[in-house]
PDB file of N, CA and C in Angstrom:
ATOM      1  N   MET A   1      -1.547   5.981  11.242  1.00  0.00           N
ATOM      2  CA  MET A   1      -0.126   6.809  12.701  1.00  0.00           C
ATOM      3  C   MET A   1       0.884   6.247  13.125  1.00  0.00           C
ATOM      4  N   LEU A   2       1.729   4.586  12.808  1.00  0.00           N
ATOM      5  CA  LEU A   2       2.632   4.344  13.221  1.00  0.00           C
ATOM      6  C   LEU A   2       4.106   3.665  11.951  1.00  0.00           C
ATOM      7  N   ASN A   3       3.105   4.452  10.780  1.00  0.00           N
ATOM      8  CA  ASN A   3       4.155   4.081   9.082  1.00  0.00           C
ATOM      9  C   ASN A   3       4.813   4.870   9.414  1.00  0.00           C
ATOM     10  N   PRO A   4       6.283   5.227   9.480  1.00  0.00           N
ATOM     11  CA  PRO A   4       6.903   6.554   9.612  1.00  0.00           C
ATOM     12  C   PRO A   4       6.659   6.499   7.071  1.00  0.00           C
ATOM     13  N   LYS A   5       6.742   5.206   6.570  1.00  0.00           N
ATOM     14  CA  LYS A   5       7.136   5.950   4.972  1.00  0.00           C
ATOM     15  C   LYS A   5       5.825   7.124   4.706  1.00  0.00           C
ATOM     16  N   VAL A   6       4.670   7.367   6.185  1.00  0.00           N
ATOM     17  CA  VAL A   6       3.620   8.265   5.218  1.00  0.00           C
ATOM     18  C   VAL A   6       3.544   9.116   6.105  1.00  0.00           C
ATOM     19  N   ALA A   7       4.688   8.795   7.234  1.00  0.00           N
ATOM     20  CA  ALA A   7       5.425  10.507   7.622  1.00  0.00           C
ATOM     21  C   ALA A   7       6.185  10.838   7.134  1.00  0.00           C
ATOM     22  N   ILE A   8       7.215  10.939   5.787  1.00  0.00           N
ATOM     23  CA  ILE A   8       8.124  10.842   5.636  1.00  0.00           C
ATOM     24  C   ILE A   8       7.710  12.148   4.482  1.00  0.00           C
ATOM     25  N   PHE A   9       7.176  10.527   4.339  1.00  0.00           N
ATOM     26  CA  PHE A   9       5.988  11.062   2.230  1.00  0.00           C
ATOM     27  C   PHE A   9       4.993  12.426   3.463  1.00  0.00           C
ATOM     28  N   PHE A  10       4.305  12.398   3.770  1.00  0.00           N
ATOM     29  CA  PHE A  10       3.695  13.826   4.062  1.00  0.00           C
ATOM     30  C   PHE A  10       4.777  14.529   4.231  1.00  0.00           C
ATOM     31  N   LEU A  11       5.405  14.335   5.068  1.00  0.00           N
ATOM     32  CA  LEU A  11       6.774  16.222   5.470  1.00  0.00           C
ATOM     33  C   LEU A  11       7.215  17.001   4.421  1.00  0.00           C
ATOM     34  N   ALA A  12       8.031  15.108   3.214  1.00  0.00           N
ATOM     35  CA  ALA A  12       8.351  15.381   1.811  1.00  0.00           C
ATOM     36  C   ALA A  12       7.542  16.820   1.058  1.00  0.00           C
ATOM     37  N   PHE A  13       5.941  15.986   1.491  1.00  0.00           N
ATOM     38  CA  PHE A  13       5.034  16.183  -0.425  1.00  0.00           C
ATOM     39  C   PHE A  13       4.020  17.094   0.745  1.00  0.00           C
ATOM     40  N   VAL A  14       4.233  17.882   1.276  1.00  0.00           N
ATOM     41  CA  VAL A  14       2.490  19.144   1.579  1.00  0.00           C
ATOM     42  C   VAL A  14       3.469  20.028   1.733  1.00  0.00           C
ATOM     43  N   PRO A  15       4.416  20.333   3.072  1.00  0.00           N
ATOM     44  CA  PRO A  15       4.765  21.922   2.148  1.00  0.00           C
ATOM     45  C   PRO A  15       5.087  21.583   1.364  1.00  0.00           C
ATOM     46  N   GLN A  16       5.007  22.126   0.166  1.00  0.00           N
ATOM     47  CA  GLN A  16       5.597  22.807  -1.745  1.00  0.00           C
ATOM     48  C   GLN A  16       4.475  22.787  -1.772  1.00  0.00           C
ATOM     49  N   PHE A  17       3.248  22.418  -1.383  1.00  0.00           N
ATOM     50  CA  PHE A  17       1.412  23.627  -0.872  1.00  0.00           C
ATOM     51  C   PHE A  17       1.638  24.371  -0.075  1.00  0.00           C
ATOM     52  N   ILE A  18       2.370  25.087   0.599  1.00  0.00           N
ATOM     53  CA  ILE A  18       2.359  25.931   1.930  1.00  0.00           C
ATOM     54  C   ILE A  18       2.731  26.572   0.587  1.00  0.00           C
ATOM     55  N   ALA A  19       1.531  27.919   0.936  1.00  0.00           N
ATOM     56  CA  ALA A  19       2.148  29.561   0.447  1.00  0.00           C
ATOM     57  C   ALA A  19       4.159  30.545   1.730  1.00  0.00           C
ATOM     58  N   VAL A  20       4.695  30.359   1.473  1.00  0.00           N
ATOM     59  CA  VAL A  20       5.727  30.798   1.604  1.00  0.00           C
ATOM     60  C   VAL A  20       5.705  32.378   2.729  1.00  0.00           C
ATOM     61  N   ASP A  21       4.100  32.909   2.657  1.00  0.00           N
ATOM     62  CA  ASP A  21       4.307  34.156   3.408  1.00  0.00           C
ATOM     63  C   ASP A  21       2.680  33.447   3.909  1.00  0.00           C
ATOM     64  N   ALA A  22       2.727  32.493   4.334  1.00  0.00           N
ATOM     65  CA  ALA A  22       2.156  32.164   4.829  1.00  0.00           C
ATOM     66  C   ALA A  22       1.522  32.682   6.824  1.00  0.00           C
ATOM     67  N   PRO A  23       0.409  33.121   7.553  1.00  0.00           N
ATOM     68  CA  PRO A  23       0.693  34.188   8.902  1.00  0.00           C
ATOM     69  C   PRO A  23       1.482  32.451   9.556  1.00  0.00           C
ATOM     70  N   ASN A  24       1.109  30.953   9.712  1.00  0.00           N
ATOM     71  CA  ASN A  24       1.134  30.313   9.994  1.00  0.00           C
ATOM     72  C   ASN A  24       1.246  28.936   9.294  1.00  0.00           C
ATOM     73  N   LYS A  25       2.337  28.819   8.640  1.00  0.00           N
ATOM     74  CA  LYS A  25       2.195  27.466   7.864  1.00  0.00           C
ATOM     75  C   LYS A  25       1.917  26.183   8.079  1.00  0.00           C
ATOM     76  N   SER A  26       2.124  26.355  10.231  1.00  0.00           N
ATOM     77  CA  SER A  26       2.171  25.279  11.319  1.00  0.00           C
ATOM     78  C   SER A  26       0.607  24.301  10.609  1.00  0.00           C
ATOM     79  N   LEU A  27      -0.690  24.938  10.691  1.00  0.00           N
ATOM     80  CA  LEU A  27      -2.166  25.496  11.004  1.00  0.00           C
ATOM     81  C   LEU A  27      -2.536  25.098   9.732  1.00  0.00           C
ATOM     82  N   VAL A  28      -1.981  25.639   7.814  1.00  0.00           N
ATOM     83  CA  VAL A  28      -1.638  25.537   7.455  1.00  0.00           C
ATOM     84  C   VAL A  28      -1.208  23.467   7.138  1.00  0.00           C
ATOM     85  N   PHE A  29      -0.331  23.215   7.711  1.00  0.00           N
ATOM     86  CA  PHE A  29       0.366  21.875   7.103  1.00  0.00           C
ATOM     87  C   PHE A  29      -1.027  20.932   7.512  1.00  0.00           C
ATOM     88  N   VAL A  30      -1.199  21.059   8.737  1.00  0.00           N
ATOM     89  CA  VAL A  30      -2.684  20.556   9.741  1.00  0.00           C
ATOM     90  C   VAL A  30      -3.670  20.224   8.654  1.00  0.00           C
ATOM     91  N   LEU A  31      -3.941  21.692   8.464  1.00  0.00           N
ATOM     92  CA  LEU A  31      -5.787  21.281   7.412  1.00  0.00           C
ATOM     93  C   LEU A  31      -5.205  20.815   6.349  1.00  0.00           C
ATOM     94  N   LEU A  32      -4.280  20.915   5.817  1.00  0.00           N
ATOM     95  CA  LEU A  32      -3.797  19.874   4.313  1.00  0.00           C
ATOM     96  C   LEU A  32      -3.794  18.972   5.042  1.00  0.00           C
ATOM     97  N   GLY A  33      -3.148  18.446   6.164  1.00  0.00           N
ATOM     98  CA  GLY A  33      -3.163  16.962   6.459  1.00  0.00           C
ATOM     99  C   GLY A  33      -4.488  16.093   6.638  1.00  0.00           C
ATOM    100  N   VAL A  34      -5.123  17.337   7.011  1.00  0.00           N
ATOM    101  CA  VAL A  34      -7.382  16.745   8.087  1.00  0.00           C
ATOM    102  C   VAL A  34      -7.369  16.726   6.067  1.00  0.00           C
ATOM    103  N   LEU A  35      -7.666  17.232   5.405  1.00  0.00           N
ATOM    104  CA  LEU A  35      -8.045  17.538   3.891  1.00  0.00           C
ATOM    105  C   LEU A  35      -7.731  16.048   3.281  1.00  0.00           C
ATOM    106  N   PHE A  36      -7.053  15.813   3.045  1.00  0.00           N
ATOM    107  CA  PHE A  36      -6.247  14.677   2.705  1.00  0.00           C
ATOM    108  C   PHE A  36      -7.043  13.540   3.227  1.00  0.00           C
ATOM    109  N   ASN A  37      -7.017  13.833   4.481  1.00  0.00           N
ATOM    110  CA  ASN A  37      -8.006  12.155   4.929  1.00  0.00           C
ATOM    111  C   ASN A  37      -9.319  12.099   4.633  1.00  0.00           C
ATOM    112  N   LEU A  38      -9.903  13.261   5.131  1.00  0.00           N
ATOM    113  CA  LEU A  38     -11.601  13.759   4.027  1.00  0.00           C
ATOM    114  C   LEU A  38     -11.382  12.892   3.174  1.00  0.00           C
ATOM    115  N   ASN A  39     -10.815  13.283   2.351  1.00  0.00           N
ATOM    116  CA  ASN A  39     -10.810  12.693   1.197  1.00  0.00           C
ATOM    117  C   ASN A  39     -10.550  11.441   0.774  1.00  0.00           C
ATOM    118  N   ALA A  40      -9.908  11.052   1.457  1.00  0.00           N
ATOM    119  CA  ALA A  40      -9.149   9.079   1.977  1.00  0.00           C
ATOM    120  C   ALA A  40     -10.074   9.124   2.673  1.00  0.00           C
ATOM    121  N   ILE A  41     -11.781   9.159   3.108  1.00  0.00           N
ATOM    122  CA  ILE A  41     -12.769   8.067   3.275  1.00  0.00           C
ATOM    123  C   ILE A  41     -13.527   7.706   2.772  1.00  0.00           C
ATOM    124  N   PRO A  42     -13.687   8.585   2.054  1.00  0.00           N
ATOM    125  CA  PRO A  42     -14.866   7.787   0.860  1.00  0.00           C
ATOM    126  C   PRO A  42     -14.009   6.540   0.375  1.00  0.00           C
ATOM    127  N   VAL A  43     -13.258   6.403   0.044  1.00  0.00           N
ATOM    128  CA  VAL A  43     -11.463   4.725  -0.658  1.00  0.00           C
ATOM    129  C   VAL A  43     -11.743   4.481   0.400  1.00  0.00           C
ATOM    130  N   ASN A  44     -11.024   4.103   1.501  1.00  0.00           N
ATOM    131  CA  ASN A  44     -11.272   3.482   1.418  1.00  0.00           C
ATOM    132  C   ASN A  44     -12.312   2.761   3.100  1.00  0.00           C
ATOM    133  N   LEU A  45     -13.247   3.727   2.525  1.00  0.00           N
ATOM    134  CA  LEU A  45     -14.807   3.225   2.962  1.00  0.00           C
ATOM    135  C   LEU A  45     -14.622   2.450   1.847  1.00  0.00           C
ATOM    136  N   ALA A  46     -14.816   2.577   0.748  1.00  0.00           N
ATOM    137  CA  ALA A  46     -15.401   1.824  -0.694  1.00  0.00           C
ATOM    138  C   ALA A  46     -14.507   0.583  -0.855  1.00  0.00           C
ATOM    139  N   TRP A  47     -13.024   0.383   0.074  1.00  0.00           N
ATOM    140  CA  TRP A  47     -11.871  -0.764  -0.190  1.00  0.00           C
ATOM    141  C   TRP A  47     -12.823  -1.894   0.919  1.00  0.00           C
ATOM    142  N   ALA A  48     -13.290  -1.124   1.677  1.00  0.00           N
ATOM    143  CA  ALA A  48     -13.781  -1.570   3.137  1.00  0.00           C
ATOM    144  C   ALA A  48     -14.749  -2.374   3.801  1.00  0.00           C
ATOM    145  N   LEU A  49     -16.137  -2.315   2.280  1.00  0.00           N
ATOM    146  CA  LEU A  49     -17.155  -2.290   1.454  1.00  0.00           C
ATOM    147  C   LEU A  49     -16.844  -4.487   0.851  1.00  0.00           C
ATOM    148  N   THR A  50     -16.428  -3.244   0.303  1.00  0.00           N
ATOM    149  CA  THR A  50     -15.371  -4.645  -1.006  1.00  0.00           C
ATOM    150  C   THR A  50     -14.855  -5.608  -0.424  1.00  0.00           C
ATOM    151  N   ALA A  51     -14.526  -5.237   0.204  1.00  0.00           N
ATOM    152  CA  ALA A  51     -13.697  -6.533   1.454  1.00  0.00           C
ATOM    153  C   ALA A  51     -14.505  -7.234   1.860  1.00  0.00           C
ATOM    154  N   ALA A  52     -15.414  -6.432   3.008  1.00  0.00           N
ATOM    155  CA  ALA A  52     -16.158  -7.299   3.788  1.00  0.00           C
ATOM    156  C   ALA A  52     -17.744  -7.938   2.779  1.00  0.00           C
ATOM    157  N   TRP A  53     -17.852  -7.050   1.441  1.00  0.00           N
ATOM    158  CA  TRP A  53     -19.037  -8.120   0.658  1.00  0.00           C
ATOM    159  C   TRP A  53     -18.329  -9.474  -0.096  1.00  0.00           C
ATOM    160  N   MET A  54     -16.682  -9.283  -0.151  1.00  0.00           N
ATOM    161  CA  MET A  54     -15.313 -10.235  -1.334  1.00  0.00           C
ATOM    162  C   MET A  54     -16.123 -11.581   0.104  1.00  0.00           C
ATOM    163  N   ALA A  55     -15.657 -11.563   1.114  1.00  0.00           N
ATOM    164  CA  ALA A  55     -15.563 -12.069   2.443  1.00  0.00           C
ATOM    165  C   ALA A  55     -16.964 -12.519   3.095  1.00  0.00           C
ATOM    166  N   ARG A  56     -17.768 -12.059   2.713  1.00  0.00           N
ATOM    167  CA  ARG A  56     -19.393 -12.549   2.476  1.00  0.00           C
ATOM    168  C   ARG A  56     -20.061 -14.035   2.240  1.00  0.00           C
ATOM    169  N   ARG A  57     -19.520 -13.621   0.223  1.00  0.00           N
ATOM    170  CA  ARG A  57     -19.317 -14.854  -0.308  1.00  0.00           C
ATOM    171  C   ARG A  57     -18.956 -15.256  -0.260  1.00  0.00           C
ATOM    172  N   GLY A  58     -17.360 -15.819  -0.198  1.00  0.00           N
ATOM    173  CA  GLY A  58     -16.899 -16.500  -0.252  1.00  0.00           C
ATOM    174  C   GLY A  58     -15.629 -16.339  -0.455  1.00  0.00           C
ATOM    175  N   ALA A  59     -15.376 -15.643  -1.958  1.00  0.00           N
ATOM    176  CA  ALA A  59     -14.830 -15.009  -3.274  1.00  0.00           C
ATOM    177  C   ALA A  59     -13.179 -15.177  -2.260  1.00  0.00           C
ATOM    178  N   VAL A  60     -12.862 -14.423  -1.247  1.00  0.00           N
ATOM    179  CA  VAL A  60     -11.205 -14.492  -1.296  1.00  0.00           C
ATOM    180  C   VAL A  60     -11.607 -16.109  -0.529  1.00  0.00           C
ATOM    181  N   LEU A  61     -11.450 -16.168   0.592  1.00  0.00           N
ATOM    182  CA  LEU A  61     -11.037 -18.188   0.178  1.00  0.00           C
ATOM    183  C   LEU A  61     -11.411 -18.368  -0.702  1.00  0.00           C
ATOM    184  N   ARG A  62     -11.561 -18.760  -1.979  1.00  0.00           N
ATOM    185  CA  ARG A  62     -11.654 -19.589  -3.074  1.00  0.00           C
ATOM    186  C   ARG A  62     -10.554 -18.844  -3.633  1.00  0.00           C
ATOM    187  N   SER A  63     -10.356 -17.215  -4.011  1.00  0.00           N
ATOM    188  CA  SER A  63      -9.296 -17.106  -5.151  1.00  0.00           C
ATOM    189  C   SER A  63      -7.969 -16.817  -3.764  1.00  0.00           C
ATOM    190  N   MET A  64      -7.891 -17.009  -2.635  1.00  0.00           N
ATOM    191  CA  MET A  64      -6.217 -17.720  -2.003  1.00  0.00           C
ATOM    192  C   MET A  64      -6.235 -19.376  -1.994  1.00  0.00           C
ATOM    193  N   HIS A  65      -6.792 -19.969  -1.766  1.00  0.00           N
ATOM    194  CA  HIS A  65      -6.371 -20.787  -3.086  1.00  0.00           C
ATOM    195  C   HIS A  65      -5.963 -21.430  -3.743  1.00  0.00           C
ATOM    196  N   TRP A  66      -6.584 -20.443  -5.211  1.00  0.00           N
ATOM    197  CA  TRP A  66      -5.410 -20.666  -5.870  1.00  0.00           C
ATOM    198  C   TRP A  66      -4.261 -20.020  -5.427  1.00  0.00           C
ATOM    199  N   LEU A  67      -4.477 -18.901  -4.952  1.00  0.00           N
ATOM    200  CA  LEU A  67      -3.130 -18.356  -4.629  1.00  0.00           C
ATOM    201  C   LEU A  67      -1.870 -18.685  -3.753  1.00  0.00           C
ATOM    202  N   ASP A  68      -2.544 -19.364  -3.246  1.00  0.00           N
ATOM    203  CA  ASP A  68      -1.268 -21.091  -2.150  1.00  0.00           C
ATOM    204  C   ASP A  68      -1.346 -22.011  -3.731  1.00  0.00           C
ATOM    205  N   ARG A  69      -1.537 -21.809  -4.495  1.00  0.00           N
ATOM    206  CA  ARG A  69      -1.265 -22.520  -5.196  1.00  0.00           C
ATOM    207  C   ARG A  69      -0.229 -22.758  -6.434  1.00  0.00           C
ATOM    208  N   ALA A  70      -0.325 -20.984  -6.770  1.00  0.00           N
ATOM    209  CA  ALA A  70       0.503 -20.965  -7.594  1.00  0.00           C
ATOM    210  C   ALA A  70       2.623 -19.989  -6.893  1.00  0.00           C
ATOM    211  N   ALA A  71       1.387 -19.701  -5.840  1.00  0.00           N
ATOM    212  CA  ALA A  71       2.934 -19.179  -5.625  1.00  0.00           C
ATOM    213  C   ALA A  71       3.859 -20.363  -5.283  1.00  0.00           C
ATOM    214  N   GLY A  72       3.326 -22.104  -4.431  1.00  0.00           N
ATOM    215  CA  GLY A  72       4.131 -22.851  -5.077  1.00  0.00           C
ATOM    216  C   GLY A  72       4.640 -23.049  -5.533  1.00  0.00           C
ATOM    217  N   ALA A  73       3.523 -22.810  -7.514  1.00  0.00           N
ATOM    218  CA  ALA A  73       4.296 -23.006  -8.886  1.00  0.00           C
ATOM    219  C   ALA A  73       5.207 -22.123  -8.837  1.00  0.00           C
ATOM    220  N   LEU A  74       5.814 -20.930  -9.225  1.00  0.00           N
ATOM    221  CA  LEU A  74       6.262 -20.495  -9.135  1.00  0.00           C
ATOM    222  C   LEU A  74       7.648 -20.567  -8.063  1.00  0.00           C
ATOM    223  N   PHE A  75       7.657 -20.949  -7.484  1.00  0.00           N
ATOM    224  CA  PHE A  75       8.906 -20.914  -6.391  1.00  0.00           C
ATOM    225  C   PHE A  75       9.029 -22.159  -6.482  1.00  0.00           C
ATOM    226  N   ILE A  76       8.568 -23.897  -6.775  1.00  0.00           N
ATOM    227  CA  ILE A  76       8.648 -24.179  -7.123  1.00  0.00           C
ATOM    228  C   ILE A  76       9.475 -23.944  -9.056  1.00  0.00           C
ATOM    229  N   ALA A  77       9.972 -24.239  -9.257  1.00  0.00           N
ATOM    230  CA  ALA A  77      10.231 -23.236 -10.398  1.00  0.00           C
ATOM    231  C   ALA A  77      11.296 -22.406  -9.826  1.00  0.00           C
ATOM    232  N   PHE A  78      11.582 -21.619  -9.570  1.00  0.00           N
ATOM    233  CA  PHE A  78      12.233 -21.128  -8.704  1.00  0.00           C
ATOM    234  C   PHE A  78      13.569 -21.547  -8.085  1.00  0.00           C
ATOM    235  N   GLY A  79      14.014 -22.915  -7.643  1.00  0.00           N
ATOM    236  CA  GLY A  79      14.011 -23.644  -7.481  1.00  0.00           C
ATOM    237  C   GLY A  79      14.537 -24.913  -8.228  1.00  0.00           C
ATOM    238  N   VAL A  80      14.359 -24.282  -9.602  1.00  0.00           N
ATOM    239  CA  VAL A  80      14.103 -25.897 -10.938  1.00  0.00           C
ATOM    240  C   VAL A  80      15.591 -24.950 -11.445  1.00  0.00           C
ATOM    241  N   ARG A  81      14.642 -23.913 -11.009  1.00  0.00           N
ATOM    242  CA  ARG A  81      15.683 -22.717 -12.279  1.00  0.00           C
ATOM    243  C   ARG A  81      16.653 -22.470 -11.387  1.00  0.00           C
ATOM    244  N   LEU A  82      17.082 -22.309 -10.472  1.00  0.00           N
ATOM    245  CA  LEU A  82      18.536 -22.763  -9.564  1.00  0.00           C
ATOM    246  C   LEU A  82      18.907 -23.137  -9.409  1.00  0.00           C
ATOM    247  N   ALA A  83      18.368 -24.929  -9.416  1.00  0.00           N
ATOM    248  CA  ALA A  83      19.039 -25.729  -9.499  1.00  0.00           C
ATOM    249  C   ALA A  83      19.921 -25.880 -10.927  1.00  0.00           C
ATOM    250  N   LEU A  84      19.141 -25.798 -11.817  1.00  0.00           N
ATOM    251  CA  LEU A  84      19.285 -25.969 -13.258  1.00  0.00           C
ATOM    252  C   LEU A  84      20.741 -24.722 -13.966  1.00  0.00           C
ATOM    253  N   THR A  85      20.568 -24.145 -13.256  1.00  0.00           N
ATOM    254  CA  THR A  85      22.091 -22.719 -13.086  1.00  0.00           C
ATOM    255  C   THR A  85      23.980 -23.141 -12.716  1.00  0.00           C
ATOM    256  N   ASP A  86      24.359 -23.069 -14.078  1.00  0.00           N
ATOM    257  CA  ASP A  86      26.342 -23.221 -12.783  1.00  0.00           C
ATOM    258  C   ASP A  86      26.220 -22.093 -12.331  1.00  0.00           C
ATOM    259  N   SER A  87      26.532 -21.979 -10.878  1.00  0.00           N
ATOM    260  CA  SER A  87      28.055 -21.416  -9.830  1.00  0.00           C
ATOM    261  C   SER A  87      27.743 -20.670 -10.815  1.00  0.00           C
ATOM    262  N   PRO A  88      27.580 -19.280 -10.301  1.00  0.00           N
ATOM    263  CA  PRO A  88      28.735 -17.674 -10.574  1.00  0.00           C
ATOM    264  C   PRO A  88      30.811 -17.663 -10.399  1.00  0.00           C
ATOM    265  N   ALA A  89      30.592 -17.400 -11.863  1.00  0.00           N
ATOM    266  CA  ALA A  89      32.874 -17.523 -10.619  1.00  0.00           C
ATOM    267  C   ALA A  89      32.669 -16.284 -10.447  1.00  0.00           C
ATOM    268  N   THR A  90      33.525 -17.004  -9.317  1.00  0.00           N
ATOM    269  CA  THR A  90      34.161 -16.537  -8.003  1.00  0.00           C
ATOM    270  C   THR A  90      35.691 -15.411  -8.448  1.00  0.00           C
TER     271      THR A  90
END
């Protein structure tokens, strides 16, 4: 609700599916939004249950350790590459 990108998406995308001769366009717009949210509930629930399962197993903490190392190595590689490049001509 507080994410403006989602609101802009709905304002741009959903009206394409509303008939021009619909008597109550606002009601159709709201019903399409409700239908989208009802369809999204099982997907969001599956993601939440998967994340909870991974957290219980500790898989998230182990993978985060390796992700931290990979990100650190990537930043070091970027720094070395930046240090070894010639300065751009101005």
